[in-house]
PDB file of N, CA and C in Angstrom:
ATOM      1  N   UNK A   1      12.491  23.752  20.494  1.00  0.00           N
ATOM      2  CA  UNK A   1      11.092  24.005  21.837  1.00  0.00           C
ATOM      3  C   UNK A   1      10.762  22.208  20.643  1.00  0.00           C
ATOM      4  N   UNK A   2      10.599  21.542  21.993  1.00  0.00           N
ATOM      5  CA  UNK A   2      10.944  20.053  21.973  1.00  0.00           C
ATOM      6  C   UNK A   2       9.598  20.351  21.691  1.00  0.00           C
ATOM      7  N   UNK A   3       8.932  19.563  20.584  1.00  0.00           N
ATOM      8  CA  UNK A   3       7.205  19.251  20.854  1.00  0.00           C
ATOM      9  C   UNK A   3       6.678  18.029  20.234  1.00  0.00           C
ATOM     10  N   UNK A   4       5.532  16.668  20.824  1.00  0.00           N
ATOM     11  CA  UNK A   4       5.087  15.734  20.283  1.00  0.00           C
ATOM     12  C   UNK A   4       3.973  16.534  20.198  1.00  0.00           C
ATOM     13  N   UNK A   5       3.163  16.215  19.176  1.00  0.00           N
ATOM     14  CA  UNK A   5       1.364  15.976  19.144  1.00  0.00           C
ATOM     15  C   UNK A   5       0.503  14.528  18.766  1.00  0.00           C
ATOM     16  N   UNK A   6       0.079  13.944  19.286  1.00  0.00           N
ATOM     17  CA  UNK A   6      -0.560  13.322  18.840  1.00  0.00           C
ATOM     18  C   UNK A   6      -1.682  12.994  18.528  1.00  0.00           C
ATOM     19  N   UNK A   7      -2.259  11.733  17.956  1.00  0.00           N
ATOM     20  CA  UNK A   7      -3.629  12.020  17.179  1.00  0.00           C
ATOM     21  C   UNK A   7      -4.563  10.269  16.527  1.00  0.00           C
ATOM     22  N   UNK A   8      -4.987  10.020  16.204  1.00  0.00           N
ATOM     23  CA  UNK A   8      -4.946   8.981  15.888  1.00  0.00           C
ATOM     24  C   UNK A   8      -6.788   8.220  16.570  1.00  0.00           C
ATOM     25  N   UNK A   9      -6.759   8.716  18.177  1.00  0.00           N
ATOM     26  CA  UNK A   9      -7.189   7.543  18.677  1.00  0.00           C
ATOM     27  C   UNK A   9      -8.638   8.300  18.649  1.00  0.00           C
ATOM     28  N   UNK A  10      -9.528   7.519  19.067  1.00  0.00           N
ATOM     29  CA  UNK A  10     -11.295   7.580  19.096  1.00  0.00           C
ATOM     30  C   UNK A  10     -11.671   6.269  20.038  1.00  0.00           C
ATOM     31  N   UNK A  11     -12.955   5.729  18.999  1.00  0.00           N
ATOM     32  CA  UNK A  11     -13.256   4.386  19.665  1.00  0.00           C
ATOM     33  C   UNK A  11     -13.530   3.315  18.857  1.00  0.00           C
ATOM     34  N   UNK A  12     -13.698   2.288  19.486  1.00  0.00           N
ATOM     35  CA  UNK A  12     -13.377   0.936  18.131  1.00  0.00           C
ATOM     36  C   UNK A  12     -14.131   0.290  19.044  1.00  0.00           C
ATOM     37  N   UNK A  13     -14.481  -1.356  18.195  1.00  0.00           N
ATOM     38  CA  UNK A  13     -15.308  -2.303  18.447  1.00  0.00           C
ATOM     39  C   UNK A  13     -14.219  -2.921  18.944  1.00  0.00           C
ATOM     40  N   UNK A  14     -14.412  -4.161  20.339  1.00  0.00           N
ATOM     41  CA  UNK A  14     -13.083  -5.350  19.893  1.00  0.00           C
ATOM     42  C   UNK A  14     -13.591  -5.944  18.880  1.00  0.00           C
ATOM     43  N   UNK A  15     -11.511  -6.099  18.257  1.00  0.00           N
ATOM     44  CA  UNK A  15     -11.452  -6.704  17.087  1.00  0.00           C
ATOM     45  C   UNK A  15     -11.079  -5.915  16.363  1.00  0.00           C
ATOM     46  N   UNK A  16     -11.141  -5.015  16.415  1.00  0.00           N
ATOM     47  CA  UNK A  16     -11.317  -3.413  15.381  1.00  0.00           C
ATOM     48  C   UNK A  16      -9.578  -3.269  15.515  1.00  0.00           C
ATOM     49  N   UNK A  17      -9.300  -2.198  14.965  1.00  0.00           N
ATOM     50  CA  UNK A  17      -7.718  -1.583  15.163  1.00  0.00           C
ATOM     51  C   UNK A  17      -8.278   0.007  14.487  1.00  0.00           C
ATOM     52  N   UNK A  18      -6.588   0.813  14.903  1.00  0.00           N
ATOM     53  CA  UNK A  18      -6.425   2.174  15.069  1.00  0.00           C
ATOM     54  C   UNK A  18      -4.952   2.463  15.452  1.00  0.00           C
ATOM     55  N   UNK A  19      -4.555   3.210  14.082  1.00  0.00           N
ATOM     56  CA  UNK A  19      -3.823   3.853  13.998  1.00  0.00           C
ATOM     57  C   UNK A  19      -3.180   5.113  15.012  1.00  0.00           C
ATOM     58  N   UNK A  20      -2.164   5.319  15.670  1.00  0.00           N
ATOM     59  CA  UNK A  20      -2.127   6.166  16.402  1.00  0.00           C
ATOM     60  C   UNK A  20      -0.740   7.142  15.612  1.00  0.00           C
ATOM     61  N   UNK A  21      -0.625   8.019  15.845  1.00  0.00           N
ATOM     62  CA  UNK A  21       0.245   9.123  15.056  1.00  0.00           C
ATOM     63  C   UNK A  21       0.969   9.566  16.243  1.00  0.00           C
ATOM     64  N   UNK A  22       2.187  10.294  15.822  1.00  0.00           N
ATOM     65  CA  UNK A  22       2.993  11.003  16.688  1.00  0.00           C
ATOM     66  C   UNK A  22       3.588  12.357  16.532  1.00  0.00           C
ATOM     67  N   UNK A  23       3.570  13.527  16.072  1.00  0.00           N
ATOM     68  CA  UNK A  23       4.549  13.921  15.005  1.00  0.00           C
ATOM     69  C   UNK A  23       4.991  15.054  15.592  1.00  0.00           C
ATOM     70  N   UNK A  24       6.127  15.185  15.496  1.00  0.00           N
ATOM     71  CA  UNK A  24       7.212  15.707  16.704  1.00  0.00           C
ATOM     72  C   UNK A  24       8.086  16.929  15.845  1.00  0.00           C
ATOM     73  N   UNK A  25       8.780  17.942  16.680  1.00  0.00           N
ATOM     74  CA  UNK A  25       9.330  19.307  16.071  1.00  0.00           C
ATOM     75  C   UNK A  25      10.415  19.897  17.415  1.00  0.00           C
ATOM     76  N   UNK A  26      11.102  20.470  16.698  1.00  0.00           N
ATOM     77  CA  UNK A  26      11.939  20.620  17.340  1.00  0.00           C
ATOM     78  C   UNK A  26      13.027  19.662  17.742  1.00  0.00           C
ATOM     79  N   UNK A  27      13.154  18.741  16.902  1.00  0.00           N
ATOM     80  CA  UNK A  27      14.366  17.571  16.933  1.00  0.00           C
ATOM     81  C   UNK A  27      14.166  16.744  15.590  1.00  0.00           C
ATOM     82  N   UNK A  28      14.843  15.902  15.207  1.00  0.00           N
ATOM     83  CA  UNK A  28      14.777  14.550  14.205  1.00  0.00           C
ATOM     84  C   UNK A  28      14.751  13.700  14.251  1.00  0.00           C
ATOM     85  N   UNK A  29      13.630  12.811  14.218  1.00  0.00           N
ATOM     86  CA  UNK A  29      13.046  11.771  14.490  1.00  0.00           C
ATOM     87  C   UNK A  29      14.532  10.678  15.038  1.00  0.00           C
ATOM     88  N   UNK A  30      15.291  10.874  14.243  1.00  0.00           N
ATOM     89  CA  UNK A  30      16.734   9.712  14.070  1.00  0.00           C
ATOM     90  C   UNK A  30      17.703   9.963  14.645  1.00  0.00           C
ATOM     91  N   UNK A  31      17.689  11.238  15.745  1.00  0.00           N
ATOM     92  CA  UNK A  31      18.386  11.398  16.119  1.00  0.00           C
ATOM     93  C   UNK A  31      17.884  11.237  17.817  1.00  0.00           C
ATOM     94  N   UNK A  32      16.849  10.896  17.729  1.00  0.00           N
ATOM     95  CA  UNK A  32      16.161  10.650  19.207  1.00  0.00           C
ATOM     96  C   UNK A  32      15.823   8.805  19.375  1.00  0.00           C
ATOM     97  N   UNK A  33      14.919   8.691  20.718  1.00  0.00           N
ATOM     98  CA  UNK A  33      14.593   7.593  20.795  1.00  0.00           C
ATOM     99  C   UNK A  33      12.813   8.102  21.117  1.00  0.00           C
ATOM    100  N   UNK A  34      11.768   7.535  20.159  1.00  0.00           N
ATOM    101  CA  UNK A  34      10.802   7.393  20.651  1.00  0.00           C
ATOM    102  C   UNK A  34      10.028   6.177  20.754  1.00  0.00           C
ATOM    103  N   UNK A  35       8.928   6.240  22.200  1.00  0.00           N
ATOM    104  CA  UNK A  35       8.290   5.423  22.807  1.00  0.00           C
ATOM    105  C   UNK A  35       6.760   5.567  23.322  1.00  0.00           C
ATOM    106  N   UNK A  36       5.951   4.766  23.410  1.00  0.00           N
ATOM    107  CA  UNK A  36       4.558   4.679  23.621  1.00  0.00           C
ATOM    108  C   UNK A  36       4.449   4.234  24.405  1.00  0.00           C
ATOM    109  N   UNK A  37       3.352   4.651  24.783  1.00  0.00           N
ATOM    110  CA  UNK A  37       2.876   4.437  26.596  1.00  0.00           C
ATOM    111  C   UNK A  37       1.686   4.387  26.881  1.00  0.00           C
ATOM    112  N   UNK A  38       0.828   4.040  27.898  1.00  0.00           N
ATOM    113  CA  UNK A  38      -0.197   4.243  28.114  1.00  0.00           C
ATOM    114  C   UNK A  38      -0.859   4.183  29.079  1.00  0.00           C
ATOM    115  N   UNK A  39      -2.274   4.959  29.710  1.00  0.00           N
ATOM    116  CA  UNK A  39      -2.337   5.021  30.894  1.00  0.00           C
ATOM    117  C   UNK A  39      -3.847   5.001  31.119  1.00  0.00           C
ATOM    118  N   UNK A  40      -4.416   3.901  31.746  1.00  0.00           N
ATOM    119  CA  UNK A  40      -5.676   2.972  31.936  1.00  0.00           C
ATOM    120  C   UNK A  40      -6.557   3.955  33.405  1.00  0.00           C
ATOM    121  N   UNK A  41      -7.631   4.364  33.665  1.00  0.00           N
ATOM    122  CA  UNK A  41      -8.088   4.832  35.196  1.00  0.00           C
ATOM    123  C   UNK A  41      -7.392   4.157  36.125  1.00  0.00           C
ATOM    124  N   UNK A  42      -6.954   4.624  36.532  1.00  0.00           N
ATOM    125  CA  UNK A  42      -6.618   3.968  37.990  1.00  0.00           C
ATOM    126  C   UNK A  42      -5.613   3.340  37.921  1.00  0.00           C
ATOM    127  N   UNK A  43      -4.576   3.064  36.780  1.00  0.00           N
ATOM    128  CA  UNK A  43      -3.642   2.401  36.747  1.00  0.00           C
ATOM    129  C   UNK A  43      -2.411   3.103  36.445  1.00  0.00           C
ATOM    130  N   UNK A  44      -0.998   3.045  36.896  1.00  0.00           N
ATOM    131  CA  UNK A  44       0.333   3.443  36.304  1.00  0.00           C
ATOM    132  C   UNK A  44       0.466   3.448  34.900  1.00  0.00           C
ATOM    133  N   UNK A  45       1.258   4.674  34.603  1.00  0.00           N
ATOM    134  CA  UNK A  45       1.132   4.394  33.122  1.00  0.00           C
ATOM    135  C   UNK A  45       2.178   3.149  32.659  1.00  0.00           C
ATOM    136  N   UNK A  46       2.560   2.432  31.306  1.00  0.00           N
ATOM    137  CA  UNK A  46       2.675   1.351  30.672  1.00  0.00           C
ATOM    138  C   UNK A  46       3.413   2.056  29.335  1.00  0.00           C
ATOM    139  N   UNK A  47       4.686   1.149  29.955  1.00  0.00           N
ATOM    140  CA  UNK A  47       5.383   0.826  28.283  1.00  0.00           C
ATOM    141  C   UNK A  47       4.808   0.263  27.369  1.00  0.00           C
ATOM    142  N   UNK A  48       4.713   0.837  25.976  1.00  0.00           N
ATOM    143  CA  UNK A  48       4.158  -0.334  25.355  1.00  0.00           C
ATOM    144  C   UNK A  48       5.103  -0.905  24.543  1.00  0.00           C
ATOM    145  N   UNK A  49       6.258   0.342  23.555  1.00  0.00           N
ATOM    146  CA  UNK A  49       7.115   0.380  22.574  1.00  0.00           C
ATOM    147  C   UNK A  49       7.426   0.983  22.285  1.00  0.00           C
ATOM    148  N   UNK A  50       9.427   1.006  22.063  1.00  0.00           N
ATOM    149  CA  UNK A  50       9.777   2.719  21.754  1.00  0.00           C
ATOM    150  C   UNK A  50      10.637   2.325  20.104  1.00  0.00           C
ATOM    151  N   UNK A  51      11.255   3.075  19.296  1.00  0.00           N
ATOM    152  CA  UNK A  51      11.613   2.975  18.569  1.00  0.00           C
ATOM    153  C   UNK A  51      13.110   3.649  18.908  1.00  0.00           C
ATOM    154  N   UNK A  52      14.257   3.094  18.091  1.00  0.00           N
ATOM    155  CA  UNK A  52      15.707   3.844  18.137  1.00  0.00           C
ATOM    156  C   UNK A  52      16.613   3.168  17.326  1.00  0.00           C
ATOM    157  N   UNK A  53      17.469   4.424  16.208  1.00  0.00           N
ATOM    158  CA  UNK A  53      17.425   4.233  15.128  1.00  0.00           C
ATOM    159  C   UNK A  53      18.705   3.066  14.602  1.00  0.00           C
ATOM    160  N   UNK A  54      19.525   2.970  16.352  1.00  0.00           N
ATOM    161  CA  UNK A  54      20.777   2.399  16.486  1.00  0.00           C
ATOM    162  C   UNK A  54      19.953   0.914  16.650  1.00  0.00           C
ATOM    163  N   UNK A  55      19.035   0.329  17.111  1.00  0.00           N
ATOM    164  CA  UNK A  55      18.899  -1.184  17.676  1.00  0.00           C
ATOM    165  C   UNK A  55      17.279  -1.462  16.936  1.00  0.00           C
ATOM    166  N   UNK A  56      16.411  -0.248  16.168  1.00  0.00           N
ATOM    167  CA  UNK A  56      15.574  -0.931  15.659  1.00  0.00           C
ATOM    168  C   UNK A  56      14.436  -0.534  16.598  1.00  0.00           C
ATOM    169  N   UNK A  57      13.194  -1.780  16.949  1.00  0.00           N
ATOM    170  CA  UNK A  57      12.190  -1.536  18.143  1.00  0.00           C
ATOM    171  C   UNK A  57      12.589  -2.206  19.247  1.00  0.00           C
ATOM    172  N   UNK A  58      11.057  -2.923  20.132  1.00  0.00           N
ATOM    173  CA  UNK A  58      11.296  -3.085  21.333  1.00  0.00           C
ATOM    174  C   UNK A  58       9.854  -3.584  21.517  1.00  0.00           C
ATOM    175  N   UNK A  59       9.612  -4.428  22.421  1.00  0.00           N
ATOM    176  CA  UNK A  59       7.739  -4.524  22.417  1.00  0.00           C
ATOM    177  C   UNK A  59       8.202  -4.767  23.755  1.00  0.00           C
ATOM    178  N   UNK A  60       6.844  -4.431  24.774  1.00  0.00           N
ATOM    179  CA  UNK A  60       6.449  -5.273  25.365  1.00  0.00           C
ATOM    180  C   UNK A  60       5.785  -5.941  25.550  1.00  0.00           C
ATOM    181  N   UNK A  61       5.154  -7.080  27.126  1.00  0.00           N
ATOM    182  CA  UNK A  61       4.323  -7.894  26.358  1.00  0.00           C
ATOM    183  C   UNK A  61       2.959  -7.495  26.045  1.00  0.00           C
ATOM    184  N   UNK A  62       1.991  -6.878  26.801  1.00  0.00           N
ATOM    185  CA  UNK A  62       1.339  -6.094  26.147  1.00  0.00           C
ATOM    186  C   UNK A  62       0.825  -5.177  24.868  1.00  0.00           C
ATOM    187  N   UNK A  63       2.157  -5.698  24.330  1.00  0.00           N
ATOM    188  CA  UNK A  63       2.317  -5.208  23.051  1.00  0.00           C
ATOM    189  C   UNK A  63       2.825  -5.709  22.103  1.00  0.00           C
ATOM    190  N   UNK A  64       3.346  -6.933  22.020  1.00  0.00           N
ATOM    191  CA  UNK A  64       3.926  -8.222  21.062  1.00  0.00           C
ATOM    192  C   UNK A  64       3.091  -8.846  20.085  1.00  0.00           C
ATOM    193  N   UNK A  65       2.951  -8.741  19.653  1.00  0.00           N
ATOM    194  CA  UNK A  65       2.222  -9.376  18.273  1.00  0.00           C
ATOM    195  C   UNK A  65       0.819  -8.791  17.920  1.00  0.00           C
ATOM    196  N   UNK A  66       0.467  -7.468  18.432  1.00  0.00           N
ATOM    197  CA  UNK A  66      -0.604  -7.149  18.263  1.00  0.00           C
ATOM    198  C   UNK A  66      -0.218  -5.343  17.861  1.00  0.00           C
ATOM    199  N   UNK A  67       0.325  -4.952  18.612  1.00  0.00           N
ATOM    200  CA  UNK A  67       0.806  -3.527  18.155  1.00  0.00           C
ATOM    201  C   UNK A  67       2.753  -3.820  16.991  1.00  0.00           C
ATOM    202  N   UNK A  68       2.148  -2.419  16.912  1.00  0.00           N
ATOM    203  CA  UNK A  68       2.982  -2.353  15.384  1.00  0.00           C
ATOM    204  C   UNK A  68       4.312  -0.821  15.787  1.00  0.00           C
ATOM    205  N   UNK A  69       4.982  -0.635  16.467  1.00  0.00           N
ATOM    206  CA  UNK A  69       5.748   1.035  16.298  1.00  0.00           C
ATOM    207  C   UNK A  69       6.471   1.268  14.927  1.00  0.00           C
ATOM    208  N   UNK A  70       6.473   2.294  14.278  1.00  0.00           N
ATOM    209  CA  UNK A  70       7.277   2.693  13.126  1.00  0.00           C
ATOM    210  C   UNK A  70       7.191   4.386  12.908  1.00  0.00           C
ATOM    211  N   UNK A  71       7.767   4.265  12.112  1.00  0.00           N
ATOM    212  CA  UNK A  71       8.785   5.760  12.064  1.00  0.00           C
ATOM    213  C   UNK A  71       9.171   6.571  10.644  1.00  0.00           C
ATOM    214  N   UNK A  72       8.500   7.566  10.044  1.00  0.00           N
ATOM    215  CA  UNK A  72       8.615   7.737   9.073  1.00  0.00           C
ATOM    216  C   UNK A  72       9.582   9.276   9.190  1.00  0.00           C
ATOM    217  N   UNK A  73      10.705   9.152   9.073  1.00  0.00           N
ATOM    218  CA  UNK A  73      11.603  10.834   9.100  1.00  0.00           C
ATOM    219  C   UNK A  73      10.893  11.415   8.158  1.00  0.00           C
ATOM    220  N   UNK A  74      10.734  11.087   7.084  1.00  0.00           N
ATOM    221  CA  UNK A  74       9.884  12.208   6.311  1.00  0.00           C
ATOM    222  C   UNK A  74       9.478  13.229   6.608  1.00  0.00           C
ATOM    223  N   UNK A  75       8.395  12.373   7.694  1.00  0.00           N
ATOM    224  CA  UNK A  75       6.929  13.445   7.800  1.00  0.00           C
ATOM    225  C   UNK A  75       7.578  14.034   9.744  1.00  0.00           C
ATOM    226  N   UNK A  76       9.337  13.229   9.575  1.00  0.00           N
ATOM    227  CA  UNK A  76       8.836  13.283  11.847  1.00  0.00           C
ATOM    228  C   UNK A  76       7.779  12.638  12.079  1.00  0.00           C
ATOM    229  N   UNK A  77       7.330  11.918  12.419  1.00  0.00           N
ATOM    230  CA  UNK A  77       6.510  11.177  12.388  1.00  0.00           C
ATOM    231  C   UNK A  77       6.288   9.484  13.050  1.00  0.00           C
ATOM    232  N   UNK A  78       5.974   9.432  14.360  1.00  0.00           N
ATOM    233  CA  UNK A  78       5.744   7.716  14.835  1.00  0.00           C
ATOM    234  C   UNK A  78       4.602   6.924  14.688  1.00  0.00           C
ATOM    235  N   UNK A  79       4.665   6.082  14.869  1.00  0.00           N
ATOM    236  CA  UNK A  79       3.406   5.945  14.413  1.00  0.00           C
ATOM    237  C   UNK A  79       2.768   4.337  15.241  1.00  0.00           C
ATOM    238  N   UNK A  80       1.799   4.486  16.105  1.00  0.00           N
ATOM    239  CA  UNK A  80       2.077   2.512  16.456  1.00  0.00           C
ATOM    240  C   UNK A  80       0.626   2.158  15.899  1.00  0.00           C
ATOM    241  N   UNK A  81       0.416   1.077  14.921  1.00  0.00           N
ATOM    242  CA  UNK A  81      -1.087   0.298  14.596  1.00  0.00           C
ATOM    243  C   UNK A  81      -0.856  -0.493  15.480  1.00  0.00           C
ATOM    244  N   UNK A  82      -2.136  -0.655  15.975  1.00  0.00           N
ATOM    245  CA  UNK A  82      -2.892  -1.530  16.921  1.00  0.00           C
ATOM    246  C   UNK A  82      -4.408  -2.811  16.394  1.00  0.00           C
ATOM    247  N   UNK A  83      -3.438  -3.369  16.288  1.00  0.00           N
ATOM    248  CA  UNK A  83      -4.812  -3.926  16.069  1.00  0.00           C
ATOM    249  C   UNK A  83      -4.810  -5.425  16.706  1.00  0.00           C
ATOM    250  N   UNK A  84      -6.766  -6.130  16.087  1.00  0.00           N
ATOM    251  CA  UNK A  84      -7.359  -7.105  17.621  1.00  0.00           C
ATOM    252  C   UNK A  84      -7.711  -6.365  18.899  1.00  0.00           C
ATOM    253  N   UNK A  85      -8.249  -4.766  18.591  1.00  0.00           N
ATOM    254  CA  UNK A  85      -7.556  -4.011  19.997  1.00  0.00           C
ATOM    255  C   UNK A  85      -9.192  -4.698  20.970  1.00  0.00           C
ATOM    256  N   UNK A  86      -8.633  -5.204  21.897  1.00  0.00           N
ATOM    257  CA  UNK A  86      -9.797  -5.742  23.596  1.00  0.00           C
ATOM    258  C   UNK A  86      -9.714  -4.657  24.351  1.00  0.00           C
ATOM    259  N   UNK A  87     -11.038  -4.579  25.127  1.00  0.00           N
ATOM    260  CA  UNK A  87     -11.654  -3.679  26.078  1.00  0.00           C
ATOM    261  C   UNK A  87     -10.231  -3.165  27.049  1.00  0.00           C
ATOM    262  N   UNK A  88      -9.244  -4.392  27.093  1.00  0.00           N
ATOM    263  CA  UNK A  88      -8.577  -3.628  28.367  1.00  0.00           C
ATOM    264  C   UNK A  88      -7.352  -2.915  27.308  1.00  0.00           C
ATOM    265  N   UNK A  89      -7.376  -2.570  26.355  1.00  0.00           N
ATOM    266  CA  UNK A  89      -6.287  -1.456  25.902  1.00  0.00           C
ATOM    267  C   UNK A  89      -7.184   0.272  25.953  1.00  0.00           C
ATOM    268  N   UNK A  90      -8.417  -0.108  26.297  1.00  0.00           N
ATOM    269  CA  UNK A  90      -9.092   1.381  26.890  1.00  0.00           C
ATOM    270  C   UNK A  90      -8.006   2.251  28.202  1.00  0.00           C
ATOM    271  N   UNK A  91      -7.364   3.345  27.257  1.00  0.00           N
ATOM    272  CA  UNK A  91      -7.214   4.196  27.976  1.00  0.00           C
ATOM    273  C   UNK A  91      -6.291   5.528  27.472  1.00  0.00           C
ATOM    274  N   UNK A  92      -5.593   6.072  27.422  1.00  0.00           N
ATOM    275  CA  UNK A  92      -5.016   7.574  27.401  1.00  0.00           C
ATOM    276  C   UNK A  92      -3.522   6.830  26.384  1.00  0.00           C
ATOM    277  N   UNK A  93      -3.023   7.272  25.621  1.00  0.00           N
ATOM    278  CA  UNK A  93      -2.499   6.846  24.966  1.00  0.00           C
ATOM    279  C   UNK A  93      -0.758   7.926  24.766  1.00  0.00           C
ATOM    280  N   UNK A  94      -0.034   7.860  25.007  1.00  0.00           N
ATOM    281  CA  UNK A  94       0.961   9.001  25.024  1.00  0.00           C
ATOM    282  C   UNK A  94       2.506   9.060  23.976  1.00  0.00           C
ATOM    283  N   UNK A  95       2.861   9.676  23.338  1.00  0.00           N
ATOM    284  CA  UNK A  95       4.143   8.686  22.677  1.00  0.00           C
ATOM    285  C   UNK A  95       5.021   9.582  23.237  1.00  0.00           C
ATOM    286  N   UNK A  96       6.543   9.497  23.830  1.00  0.00           N
ATOM    287  CA  UNK A  96       7.460  10.277  24.728  1.00  0.00           C
ATOM    288  C   UNK A  96       8.744  10.264  23.095  1.00  0.00           C
ATOM    289  N   UNK A  97       9.466  11.458  23.835  1.00  0.00           N
ATOM    290  CA  UNK A  97      10.807  11.073  23.150  1.00  0.00           C
ATOM    291  C   UNK A  97      12.196  11.025  23.881  1.00  0.00           C
ATOM    292  N   UNK A  98      13.525  11.289  23.809  1.00  0.00           N
ATOM    293  CA  UNK A  98      14.354  11.442  24.826  1.00  0.00           C
ATOM    294  C   UNK A  98      15.846  11.415  23.629  1.00  0.00           C
ATOM    295  N   UNK A  99      16.781  11.231  24.263  1.00  0.00           N
ATOM    296  CA  UNK A  99      18.287  11.255  23.181  1.00  0.00           C
ATOM    297  C   UNK A  99      18.155   9.998  23.744  1.00  0.00           C
ATOM    298  N   UNK A 100      19.276   8.818  22.808  1.00  0.00           N
ATOM    299  CA  UNK A 100      19.431   7.904  22.886  1.00  0.00           C
ATOM    300  C   UNK A 100      19.889   7.034  24.115  1.00  0.00           C
ATOM    301  N   UNK A 101      20.835   7.287  23.849  1.00  0.00           N
ATOM    302  CA  UNK A 101      22.050   7.175  24.996  1.00  0.00           C
ATOM    303  C   UNK A 101      20.817   7.368  27.112  1.00  0.00           C
ATOM    304  N   UNK A 102      19.789   7.800  26.504  1.00  0.00           N
ATOM    305  CA  UNK A 102      19.413   7.313  28.018  1.00  0.00           C
ATOM    306  C   UNK A 102      18.302   6.829  28.825  1.00  0.00           C
ATOM    307  N   UNK A 103      18.345   5.373  27.335  1.00  0.00           N
ATOM    308  CA  UNK A 103      17.322   4.420  27.651  1.00  0.00           C
ATOM    309  C   UNK A 103      17.979   3.472  27.837  1.00  0.00           C
ATOM    310  N   UNK A 104      18.014   2.495  28.587  1.00  0.00           N
ATOM    311  CA  UNK A 104      18.429   1.636  27.969  1.00  0.00           C
ATOM    312  C   UNK A 104      18.030  -0.035  27.087  1.00  0.00           C
ATOM    313  N   UNK A 105      18.411  -0.904  27.076  1.00  0.00           N
ATOM    314  CA  UNK A 105      18.257  -2.141  26.432  1.00  0.00           C
ATOM    315  C   UNK A 105      16.760  -1.672  25.689  1.00  0.00           C
ATOM    316  N   UNK A 106      15.976  -2.036  27.194  1.00  0.00           N
ATOM    317  CA  UNK A 106      14.510  -2.570  26.405  1.00  0.00           C
ATOM    318  C   UNK A 106      13.390  -0.759  25.890  1.00  0.00           C
ATOM    319  N   UNK A 107      14.521   0.596  26.943  1.00  0.00           N
ATOM    320  CA  UNK A 107      13.279   1.368  26.637  1.00  0.00           C
ATOM    321  C   UNK A 107      12.073   2.094  27.300  1.00  0.00           C
ATOM    322  N   UNK A 108      11.014   1.387  28.362  1.00  0.00           N
ATOM    323  CA  UNK A 108      10.295   1.313  27.899  1.00  0.00           C
ATOM    324  C   UNK A 108       9.449   2.004  29.468  1.00  0.00           C
ATOM    325  N   UNK A 109      10.139   2.352  30.267  1.00  0.00           N
ATOM    326  CA  UNK A 109      10.140   2.587  31.228  1.00  0.00           C
ATOM    327  C   UNK A 109      10.167   4.323  31.127  1.00  0.00           C
ATOM    328  N   UNK A 110       8.939   5.011  31.647  1.00  0.00           N
ATOM    329  CA  UNK A 110       8.923   6.412  31.625  1.00  0.00           C
ATOM    330  C   UNK A 110       8.978   7.504  32.098  1.00  0.00           C
ATOM    331  N   UNK A 111      10.105   7.001  32.821  1.00  0.00           N
ATOM    332  CA  UNK A 111      11.158   7.835  33.912  1.00  0.00           C
ATOM    333  C   UNK A 111      12.502   8.084  32.797  1.00  0.00           C
ATOM    334  N   UNK A 112      12.569   7.056  31.476  1.00  0.00           N
ATOM    335  CA  UNK A 112      13.889   7.613  30.780  1.00  0.00           C
ATOM    336  C   UNK A 112      13.480   8.274  29.835  1.00  0.00           C
ATOM    337  N   UNK A 113      12.184   9.000  30.281  1.00  0.00           N
ATOM    338  CA  UNK A 113      11.820   9.794  28.631  1.00  0.00           C
ATOM    339  C   UNK A 113      11.465  11.025  29.293  1.00  0.00           C
ATOM    340  N   UNK A 114      12.145  12.667  28.389  1.00  0.00           N
ATOM    341  CA  UNK A 114      11.665  14.028  28.718  1.00  0.00           C
ATOM    342  C   UNK A 114      10.578  14.172  28.187  1.00  0.00           C
ATOM    343  N   UNK A 115      10.457  14.540  27.474  1.00  0.00           N
ATOM    344  CA  UNK A 115       9.560  15.293  26.425  1.00  0.00           C
ATOM    345  C   UNK A 115       8.501  14.132  26.500  1.00  0.00           C
ATOM    346  N   UNK A 116       7.173  14.462  25.912  1.00  0.00           N
ATOM    347  CA  UNK A 116       5.898  14.453  26.287  1.00  0.00           C
ATOM    348  C   UNK A 116       4.751  15.026  25.536  1.00  0.00           C
ATOM    349  N   UNK A 117       4.141  13.775  24.615  1.00  0.00           N
ATOM    350  CA  UNK A 117       2.952  14.703  24.278  1.00  0.00           C
ATOM    351  C   UNK A 117       2.119  14.533  25.124  1.00  0.00           C
ATOM    352  N   UNK A 118       0.400  15.209  24.519  1.00  0.00           N
ATOM    353  CA  UNK A 118      -0.559  15.516  26.203  1.00  0.00           C
ATOM    354  C   UNK A 118      -1.860  14.662  25.664  1.00  0.00           C
ATOM    355  N   UNK A 119      -1.691  13.503  25.666  1.00  0.00           N
ATOM    356  CA  UNK A 119      -2.254  12.452  24.791  1.00  0.00           C
ATOM    357  C   UNK A 119      -3.283  12.147  24.106  1.00  0.00           C
ATOM    358  N   UNK A 120      -3.566  10.809  23.321  1.00  0.00           N
ATOM    359  CA  UNK A 120      -4.637  10.754  22.681  1.00  0.00           C
ATOM    360  C   UNK A 120      -5.674   9.178  23.673  1.00  0.00           C
ATOM    361  N   UNK A 121      -7.580   9.590  23.438  1.00  0.00           N
ATOM    362  CA  UNK A 121      -7.881   8.526  24.362  1.00  0.00           C
ATOM    363  C   UNK A 121      -8.237   6.889  23.087  1.00  0.00           C
ATOM    364  N   UNK A 122      -7.836   6.830  23.870  1.00  0.00           N
ATOM    365  CA  UNK A 122      -8.914   5.446  23.386  1.00  0.00           C
ATOM    366  C   UNK A 122      -9.307   4.558  23.998  1.00  0.00           C
ATOM    367  N   UNK A 123     -10.874   4.075  23.015  1.00  0.00           N
ATOM    368  CA  UNK A 123     -11.843   3.283  23.891  1.00  0.00           C
ATOM    369  C   UNK A 123     -12.230   2.460  23.009  1.00  0.00           C
ATOM    370  N   UNK A 124     -12.028   0.919  24.027  1.00  0.00           N
ATOM    371  CA  UNK A 124     -12.461   0.166  23.189  1.00  0.00           C
ATOM    372  C   UNK A 124     -13.863  -0.377  24.320  1.00  0.00           C
ATOM    373  N   UNK A 125     -15.083  -0.674  23.024  1.00  0.00           N
ATOM    374  CA  UNK A 125     -15.870  -0.954  23.433  1.00  0.00           C
ATOM    375  C   UNK A 125     -17.379  -1.924  22.436  1.00  0.00           C
ATOM    376  N   UNK A 126     -18.163  -2.430  22.880  1.00  0.00           N
ATOM    377  CA  UNK A 126     -19.349  -2.815  22.404  1.00  0.00           C
ATOM    378  C   UNK A 126     -20.001  -2.326  22.530  1.00  0.00           C
TER     379      UNK A 126
END
């Protein structure tokens, strides 16, 4: 059974950092593409970054330069390191997985992913 569990969210002041974790089970990281998304109150879900063994990583404009996605196959965990957080980063953050062939070049659209975690909330506020 495919399962993804996020953790690491919380409250942080502007300019701070958080590292989110996504522990996966039921599949091997190297065999799947994994993405990070977020959904702020009243807004659509937004893609941030994805990782795929065949071609590495891709970041959307919202994440590029401040966020880093990485994977640890031994721990079956994908991370999202978030630095210089801003109030507009406040959202529920989700990880998702799918077979690598199901995503395109960018792989940052939520409809490309089949398996989702329950989300972890992040609040950036002074």
